[in-house]
């Protein structure tokens, strides 16, 4: 019924690398989708016309989430290229390269999580017609 191989001998040699590549591609796709949503919300705000302070703050959050998309791409790219070069050249990965790759992967995950959170909050702020009570006092003092 289940055709997934259960023990290590039945798995192809590159199975782990395929999963890592697929996982990295999904992070990048999610990040890109977040960027498209952010630009869509900003365009919606501009089409609506004059916005309220909380909506401008939401647009700022959305623009920052676009910057986080670039962080995700650079971090994933840095981790992947270095590892791929070592595999192609048949070299052992040094401890420094390993920590560099793991740090880049951690940066990518953190940036993707922050981007998701900022995109959701930014969209909610742009779409709301009244500011949330906890932001109203602070936003009015800025603008």
N, C-alpha and C. Protein backbone atom coordinates (compact mmCIF):
# COMPACT_ATOMS: atom_id res chain seq x y z
N UNK A 1 0.82 -1.18 0.00
CA UNK A 1 0.00 0.00 0.00
C UNK A 1 0.87 1.26 0.00
N UNK A 2 1.86 1.33 0.88
CA UNK A 2 2.76 2.48 0.94
C UNK A 2 4.05 2.11 0.23
N UNK A 3 4.39 2.83 -0.84
CA UNK A 3 5.57 2.50 -1.62
C UNK A 3 6.81 3.23 -1.13
N UNK A 4 6.72 3.99 -0.04
CA UNK A 4 7.87 4.71 0.49
C UNK A 4 8.83 3.72 1.13
N UNK A 5 10.13 3.77 0.73
CA UNK A 5 11.10 2.84 1.31
C UNK A 5 11.29 3.10 2.80
N UNK A 6 11.36 2.03 3.58
CA UNK A 6 11.43 2.17 5.03
C UNK A 6 12.85 2.14 5.58
N UNK A 7 13.74 1.39 5.00
CA UNK A 7 15.09 1.36 5.56
C UNK A 7 16.06 2.12 4.67
N UNK A 8 17.22 2.42 5.25
CA UNK A 8 18.18 3.29 4.59
C UNK A 8 18.71 2.70 3.28
N UNK A 9 18.84 1.41 3.17
CA UNK A 9 19.40 0.80 1.97
C UNK A 9 18.50 0.99 0.76
N UNK A 10 17.22 1.15 0.95
CA UNK A 10 16.29 1.29 -0.16
C UNK A 10 16.20 2.72 -0.68
N UNK A 11 16.76 3.70 0.05
CA UNK A 11 16.68 5.09 -0.38
C UNK A 11 17.76 5.40 -1.41
N UNK A 12 17.44 6.21 -2.41
CA UNK A 12 18.47 6.61 -3.37
C UNK A 12 19.55 7.45 -2.67
N UNK A 13 20.75 7.49 -3.25
CA UNK A 13 21.85 8.21 -2.64
C UNK A 13 21.58 9.70 -2.49
N UNK A 14 20.89 10.27 -3.44
CA UNK A 14 20.67 11.72 -3.40
C UNK A 14 19.32 12.11 -2.78
N UNK A 15 18.67 11.21 -2.11
CA UNK A 15 17.35 11.46 -1.53
C UNK A 15 17.38 12.64 -0.57
N UNK A 16 18.35 12.68 0.32
CA UNK A 16 18.45 13.78 1.28
C UNK A 16 18.66 15.12 0.60
N UNK A 17 19.50 15.13 -0.44
CA UNK A 17 19.74 16.39 -1.15
C UNK A 17 18.51 16.85 -1.90
N UNK A 18 17.76 15.92 -2.44
CA UNK A 18 16.52 16.30 -3.11
C UNK A 18 15.53 16.91 -2.13
N UNK A 19 15.44 16.33 -0.94
CA UNK A 19 14.54 16.88 0.07
C UNK A 19 14.99 18.27 0.53
N UNK A 20 16.30 18.43 0.72
CA UNK A 20 16.81 19.74 1.12
C UNK A 20 16.54 20.79 0.04
N UNK A 21 16.77 20.42 -1.20
CA UNK A 21 16.52 21.35 -2.30
C UNK A 21 15.04 21.70 -2.37
N UNK A 22 14.19 20.71 -2.24
CA UNK A 22 12.76 20.95 -2.29
C UNK A 22 12.32 21.86 -1.14
N UNK A 23 12.85 21.60 0.05
CA UNK A 23 12.52 22.45 1.21
C UNK A 23 12.96 23.88 1.01
N UNK A 24 14.16 24.07 0.48
CA UNK A 24 14.65 25.42 0.21
C UNK A 24 13.80 26.11 -0.86
N UNK A 25 13.39 25.37 -1.88
CA UNK A 25 12.54 25.96 -2.91
C UNK A 25 11.20 26.40 -2.33
N UNK A 26 10.68 25.63 -1.40
CA UNK A 26 9.41 26.00 -0.78
C UNK A 26 9.54 27.26 0.06
N UNK A 27 10.66 27.41 0.77
CA UNK A 27 10.90 28.63 1.55
C UNK A 27 10.92 29.82 0.60
N UNK A 28 11.62 29.67 -0.50
CA UNK A 28 11.74 30.78 -1.45
C UNK A 28 10.39 31.08 -2.09
N UNK A 29 9.62 30.07 -2.42
CA UNK A 29 8.29 30.31 -3.00
C UNK A 29 7.39 31.04 -2.01
N UNK A 30 7.44 30.61 -0.77
CA UNK A 30 6.63 31.28 0.25
C UNK A 30 7.05 32.73 0.43
N UNK A 31 8.34 32.97 0.39
CA UNK A 31 8.85 34.32 0.52
C UNK A 31 8.42 35.18 -0.67
N UNK A 32 8.52 34.63 -1.86
CA UNK A 32 8.09 35.36 -3.06
C UNK A 32 6.60 35.65 -3.04
N UNK A 33 5.82 34.70 -2.58
CA UNK A 33 4.38 34.91 -2.50
C UNK A 33 4.07 36.02 -1.50
N UNK A 34 4.79 36.04 -0.39
CA UNK A 34 4.63 37.12 0.58
C UNK A 34 4.92 38.47 -0.03
N UNK A 35 5.93 38.53 -0.89
CA UNK A 35 6.28 39.79 -1.56
C UNK A 35 5.16 40.22 -2.50
N UNK A 36 4.60 39.28 -3.25
CA UNK A 36 3.50 39.62 -4.15
C UNK A 36 2.28 40.12 -3.38
N UNK A 37 2.00 39.48 -2.26
CA UNK A 37 0.87 39.91 -1.43
C UNK A 37 1.12 41.31 -0.89
N UNK A 38 2.36 41.57 -0.46
CA UNK A 38 2.68 42.90 0.07
C UNK A 38 2.49 43.96 -1.00
N UNK A 39 3.00 43.73 -2.20
CA UNK A 39 2.81 44.71 -3.26
C UNK A 39 1.34 44.86 -3.63
N UNK A 40 0.59 43.79 -3.61
CA UNK A 40 -0.84 43.88 -3.88
C UNK A 40 -1.57 44.73 -2.85
N UNK A 41 -1.21 44.55 -1.57
CA UNK A 41 -1.85 45.34 -0.52
C UNK A 41 -1.46 46.80 -0.62
N UNK A 42 -0.21 47.06 -0.97
CA UNK A 42 0.22 48.45 -1.14
C UNK A 42 -0.51 49.08 -2.32
N UNK A 43 -0.65 48.35 -3.42
CA UNK A 43 -1.39 48.87 -4.58
C UNK A 43 -2.84 49.12 -4.21
N UNK A 44 -3.44 48.23 -3.44
CA UNK A 44 -4.82 48.41 -2.99
C UNK A 44 -4.93 49.69 -2.17
N UNK A 45 -3.98 49.92 -1.29
CA UNK A 45 -3.98 51.12 -0.45
C UNK A 45 -3.88 52.38 -1.32
N UNK A 46 -3.02 52.34 -2.32
CA UNK A 46 -2.86 53.50 -3.19
C UNK A 46 -4.12 53.75 -4.03
N UNK A 47 -4.78 52.69 -4.45
CA UNK A 47 -6.00 52.85 -5.23
C UNK A 47 -7.14 53.42 -4.39
N UNK A 48 -7.14 53.09 -3.11
CA UNK A 48 -8.17 53.61 -2.21
C UNK A 48 -8.03 55.10 -2.01
N UNK A 49 -6.84 55.61 -2.13
CA UNK A 49 -6.63 57.05 -1.96
C UNK A 49 -5.98 57.35 -0.62
N UNK A 50 -6.37 58.47 -0.05
CA UNK A 50 -5.78 58.94 1.20
C UNK A 50 -5.98 57.90 2.30
N UNK A 51 -4.89 57.51 2.92
CA UNK A 51 -4.96 56.49 3.95
C UNK A 51 -4.82 57.08 5.34
N UNK A 52 -5.20 56.30 6.30
CA UNK A 52 -5.07 56.67 7.70
C UNK A 52 -3.69 56.26 8.21
N UNK A 53 -3.27 56.79 9.36
CA UNK A 53 -1.92 56.47 9.86
C UNK A 53 -1.66 54.98 10.05
N UNK A 54 -2.65 54.25 10.52
CA UNK A 54 -2.42 52.81 10.72
C UNK A 54 -2.27 52.09 9.39
N UNK A 55 -2.89 52.60 8.34
CA UNK A 55 -2.74 51.99 7.03
C UNK A 55 -1.36 52.30 6.44
N UNK A 56 -0.85 53.50 6.69
CA UNK A 56 0.51 53.83 6.26
C UNK A 56 1.53 52.98 7.03
N UNK A 57 1.29 52.77 8.29
CA UNK A 57 2.16 51.92 9.09
C UNK A 57 2.14 50.49 8.55
N UNK A 58 0.95 50.01 8.16
CA UNK A 58 0.83 48.68 7.56
C UNK A 58 1.59 48.59 6.25
N UNK A 59 1.54 49.64 5.44
CA UNK A 59 2.31 49.65 4.18
C UNK A 59 3.80 49.60 4.47
N UNK A 60 4.24 50.31 5.50
CA UNK A 60 5.64 50.25 5.90
C UNK A 60 6.07 48.86 6.30
N UNK A 61 5.20 48.17 7.02
CA UNK A 61 5.50 46.79 7.41
C UNK A 61 5.57 45.89 6.18
N UNK A 62 4.69 46.12 5.24
CA UNK A 62 4.70 45.32 4.02
C UNK A 62 5.96 45.57 3.20
N UNK A 63 6.40 46.81 3.13
CA UNK A 63 7.64 47.10 2.41
C UNK A 63 8.84 46.46 3.10
N UNK A 64 8.84 46.45 4.43
CA UNK A 64 9.93 45.79 5.15
C UNK A 64 9.90 44.28 4.91
N UNK A 65 8.71 43.72 4.75
CA UNK A 65 8.62 42.29 4.46
C UNK A 65 9.20 41.96 3.09
N UNK A 66 9.14 42.92 2.17
CA UNK A 66 9.76 42.72 0.86
C UNK A 66 11.29 42.65 1.02
N UNK A 67 11.84 43.50 1.86
CA UNK A 67 13.27 43.45 2.14
C UNK A 67 13.66 42.10 2.74
N UNK A 68 12.82 41.56 3.60
CA UNK A 68 13.10 40.25 4.19
C UNK A 68 13.11 39.15 3.13
N UNK A 69 12.35 39.33 2.05
CA UNK A 69 12.38 38.36 0.95
C UNK A 69 13.78 38.29 0.35
N UNK A 70 14.42 39.43 0.18
CA UNK A 70 15.79 39.45 -0.34
C UNK A 70 16.74 38.74 0.63
N UNK A 71 16.54 38.93 1.91
CA UNK A 71 17.38 38.25 2.91
C UNK A 71 17.24 36.75 2.78
N UNK A 72 16.02 36.27 2.62
CA UNK A 72 15.77 34.84 2.45
C UNK A 72 16.52 34.31 1.23
N UNK A 73 16.42 35.00 0.12
CA UNK A 73 17.07 34.55 -1.11
C UNK A 73 18.59 34.51 -0.97
N UNK A 74 19.18 35.55 -0.42
CA UNK A 74 20.63 35.58 -0.27
C UNK A 74 21.12 34.52 0.70
N UNK A 75 20.40 34.32 1.79
CA UNK A 75 20.83 33.33 2.78
C UNK A 75 20.72 31.92 2.23
N UNK A 76 19.61 31.60 1.60
CA UNK A 76 19.44 30.26 1.03
C UNK A 76 20.45 30.04 -0.10
N UNK A 77 20.64 31.04 -0.92
CA UNK A 77 21.60 30.92 -2.01
C UNK A 77 23.02 30.71 -1.51
N UNK A 78 23.40 31.45 -0.49
CA UNK A 78 24.74 31.29 0.08
C UNK A 78 24.96 29.91 0.66
N UNK A 79 23.97 29.39 1.34
CA UNK A 79 24.08 28.06 1.93
C UNK A 79 24.12 26.98 0.85
N UNK A 80 23.32 27.12 -0.16
CA UNK A 80 23.18 26.09 -1.18
C UNK A 80 24.38 26.05 -2.12
N UNK A 81 24.85 27.20 -2.54
CA UNK A 81 25.97 27.24 -3.49
C UNK A 81 27.23 26.64 -2.88
N UNK A 82 27.52 27.02 -1.65
CA UNK A 82 28.72 26.49 -1.00
C UNK A 82 28.68 24.99 -0.84
N UNK A 83 27.55 24.48 -0.42
CA UNK A 83 27.41 23.03 -0.23
C UNK A 83 27.49 22.31 -1.58
N UNK A 84 26.85 22.87 -2.60
CA UNK A 84 26.89 22.26 -3.92
C UNK A 84 28.29 22.20 -4.49
N UNK A 85 29.08 23.23 -4.29
CA UNK A 85 30.46 23.23 -4.79
C UNK A 85 31.29 22.14 -4.13
N UNK A 86 31.09 21.94 -2.83
CA UNK A 86 31.84 20.90 -2.14
C UNK A 86 31.44 19.51 -2.63
N UNK A 87 30.16 19.32 -2.88
CA UNK A 87 29.69 18.01 -3.37
C UNK A 87 30.23 17.75 -4.77
N UNK A 88 30.16 18.75 -5.65
CA UNK A 88 30.62 18.58 -7.02
C UNK A 88 32.12 18.29 -7.07
N UNK A 89 32.89 19.01 -6.25
CA UNK A 89 34.34 18.82 -6.24
C UNK A 89 34.78 17.61 -5.42
N UNK A 90 33.84 16.95 -4.75
CA UNK A 90 34.16 15.78 -3.95
C UNK A 90 34.98 16.11 -2.71
N UNK A 91 34.87 17.33 -2.23
CA UNK A 91 35.62 17.77 -1.05
C UNK A 91 34.81 17.55 0.22
N UNK A 92 35.51 17.41 1.30
CA UNK A 92 34.87 17.36 2.61
C UNK A 92 34.52 18.78 3.02
N UNK A 93 33.40 18.94 3.62
CA UNK A 93 32.99 20.25 4.11
C UNK A 93 33.74 20.55 5.40
N UNK A 94 34.39 21.71 5.46
CA UNK A 94 35.12 22.08 6.67
C UNK A 94 34.15 22.53 7.75
N UNK A 95 34.65 22.62 8.95
CA UNK A 95 33.81 23.04 10.07
C UNK A 95 33.31 24.47 9.85
N UNK A 96 34.18 25.34 9.34
CA UNK A 96 33.77 26.73 9.07
C UNK A 96 32.68 26.81 8.01
N UNK A 97 32.83 26.01 6.95
CA UNK A 97 31.81 25.99 5.91
C UNK A 97 30.48 25.44 6.43
N UNK A 98 30.57 24.44 7.29
CA UNK A 98 29.36 23.85 7.87
C UNK A 98 28.61 24.90 8.70
N UNK A 99 29.35 25.61 9.55
CA UNK A 99 28.69 26.62 10.39
C UNK A 99 28.17 27.80 9.57
N UNK A 100 28.89 28.15 8.50
CA UNK A 100 28.41 29.21 7.61
C UNK A 100 27.08 28.79 6.97
N UNK A 101 27.02 27.56 6.49
CA UNK A 101 25.80 27.05 5.85
C UNK A 101 24.65 26.99 6.84
N UNK A 102 24.91 26.47 8.03
CA UNK A 102 23.85 26.37 9.04
C UNK A 102 23.38 27.76 9.48
N UNK A 103 24.30 28.72 9.60
CA UNK A 103 23.92 30.08 9.97
C UNK A 103 23.05 30.70 8.89
N UNK A 104 23.42 30.49 7.63
CA UNK A 104 22.60 31.01 6.53
C UNK A 104 21.21 30.39 6.53
N UNK A 105 21.13 29.10 6.79
CA UNK A 105 19.83 28.45 6.83
C UNK A 105 18.98 28.99 7.98
N UNK A 106 19.61 29.23 9.12
CA UNK A 106 18.89 29.80 10.26
C UNK A 106 18.41 31.21 9.94
N UNK A 107 19.26 32.00 9.32
CA UNK A 107 18.88 33.36 8.93
C UNK A 107 17.69 33.31 7.97
N UNK A 108 17.72 32.39 7.01
CA UNK A 108 16.63 32.27 6.05
C UNK A 108 15.32 31.91 6.75
N UNK A 109 15.35 30.98 7.67
CA UNK A 109 14.14 30.58 8.38
C UNK A 109 13.59 31.71 9.24
N UNK A 110 14.48 32.41 9.93
CA UNK A 110 14.03 33.53 10.77
C UNK A 110 13.44 34.64 9.90
N UNK A 111 14.13 34.97 8.80
CA UNK A 111 13.63 36.02 7.90
C UNK A 111 12.29 35.62 7.29
N UNK A 112 12.14 34.36 6.91
CA UNK A 112 10.87 33.91 6.33
C UNK A 112 9.74 33.98 7.36
N UNK A 113 10.02 33.60 8.60
CA UNK A 113 9.00 33.67 9.65
C UNK A 113 8.63 35.13 9.93
N UNK A 114 9.63 36.00 10.04
CA UNK A 114 9.34 37.42 10.25
C UNK A 114 8.56 38.02 9.09
N UNK A 115 8.93 37.62 7.88
CA UNK A 115 8.24 38.13 6.71
C UNK A 115 6.77 37.72 6.74
N UNK A 116 6.50 36.48 7.10
CA UNK A 116 5.13 36.00 7.17
C UNK A 116 4.33 36.81 8.20
N UNK A 117 4.91 36.99 9.38
CA UNK A 117 4.22 37.72 10.44
C UNK A 117 3.96 39.17 10.02
N UNK A 118 4.98 39.82 9.45
CA UNK A 118 4.82 41.22 9.05
C UNK A 118 3.83 41.36 7.90
N UNK A 119 3.79 40.39 7.01
CA UNK A 119 2.84 40.44 5.90
C UNK A 119 1.41 40.33 6.42
N UNK A 120 1.18 39.41 7.33
CA UNK A 120 -0.18 39.24 7.89
C UNK A 120 -0.61 40.49 8.64
N UNK A 121 0.25 41.01 9.50
CA UNK A 121 -0.10 42.20 10.27
C UNK A 121 -0.28 43.40 9.34
N UNK A 122 0.61 43.56 8.37
CA UNK A 122 0.51 44.67 7.43
C UNK A 122 -0.78 44.64 6.63
N UNK A 123 -1.15 43.47 6.17
CA UNK A 123 -2.40 43.35 5.40
C UNK A 123 -3.61 43.69 6.27
N UNK A 124 -3.61 43.19 7.49
CA UNK A 124 -4.72 43.50 8.39
C UNK A 124 -4.82 45.00 8.65
N UNK A 125 -3.68 45.67 8.82
CA UNK A 125 -3.71 47.11 9.07
C UNK A 125 -4.16 47.89 7.84
N UNK A 126 -3.73 47.46 6.67
CA UNK A 126 -4.12 48.16 5.44
C UNK A 126 -5.62 47.99 5.17
N UNK A 127 -6.15 46.82 5.44
CA UNK A 127 -7.55 46.55 5.12
C UNK A 127 -8.53 47.09 6.15
N UNK A 128 -8.07 47.32 7.38
CA UNK A 128 -8.98 47.84 8.43
C UNK A 128 -9.26 49.31 8.20
N UNK A 129 -10.51 49.70 8.45
CA UNK A 129 -10.87 51.11 8.28
C UNK A 129 -10.61 51.92 9.54
N UNK A 130 -10.51 51.26 10.68
CA UNK A 130 -10.18 51.95 11.93
C UNK A 130 -8.95 51.29 12.55
N UNK A 131 -8.11 52.09 13.21
CA UNK A 131 -6.90 51.50 13.80
C UNK A 131 -7.24 50.64 15.01
N UNK A 132 -6.44 49.62 15.26
CA UNK A 132 -6.64 48.82 16.47
C UNK A 132 -6.44 49.70 17.70
N UNK A 133 -7.17 49.45 18.78
CA UNK A 133 -7.08 50.32 19.97
C UNK A 133 -5.66 50.44 20.53
N UNK A 134 -4.90 49.37 20.53
CA UNK A 134 -3.56 49.43 21.12
C UNK A 134 -2.58 50.24 20.27
N UNK A 135 -2.88 50.42 18.99
CA UNK A 135 -2.01 51.21 18.12
C UNK A 135 -2.47 52.66 17.98
N UNK A 136 -3.72 52.91 18.27
CA UNK A 136 -4.29 54.23 18.00
C UNK A 136 -3.52 55.34 18.72
N UNK A 137 -3.23 55.13 19.99
CA UNK A 137 -2.54 56.17 20.78
C UNK A 137 -1.13 56.41 20.25
N UNK A 138 -0.42 55.33 19.92
CA UNK A 138 0.97 55.45 19.48
C UNK A 138 1.07 56.02 18.08
N UNK A 139 0.20 55.62 17.20
CA UNK A 139 0.25 56.10 15.82
C UNK A 139 -0.13 57.57 15.71
N UNK A 140 -1.08 57.99 16.51
CA UNK A 140 -1.49 59.39 16.45
C UNK A 140 -0.38 60.31 16.95
N UNK A 141 0.48 59.83 17.83
CA UNK A 141 1.57 60.67 18.32
C UNK A 141 2.68 60.78 17.27
N UNK A 142 2.78 59.81 16.34
CA UNK A 142 3.80 59.86 15.29
C UNK A 142 3.39 60.76 14.14
N UNK A 143 2.09 60.79 13.85
CA UNK A 143 1.64 61.51 12.65
C UNK A 143 0.97 62.80 13.02
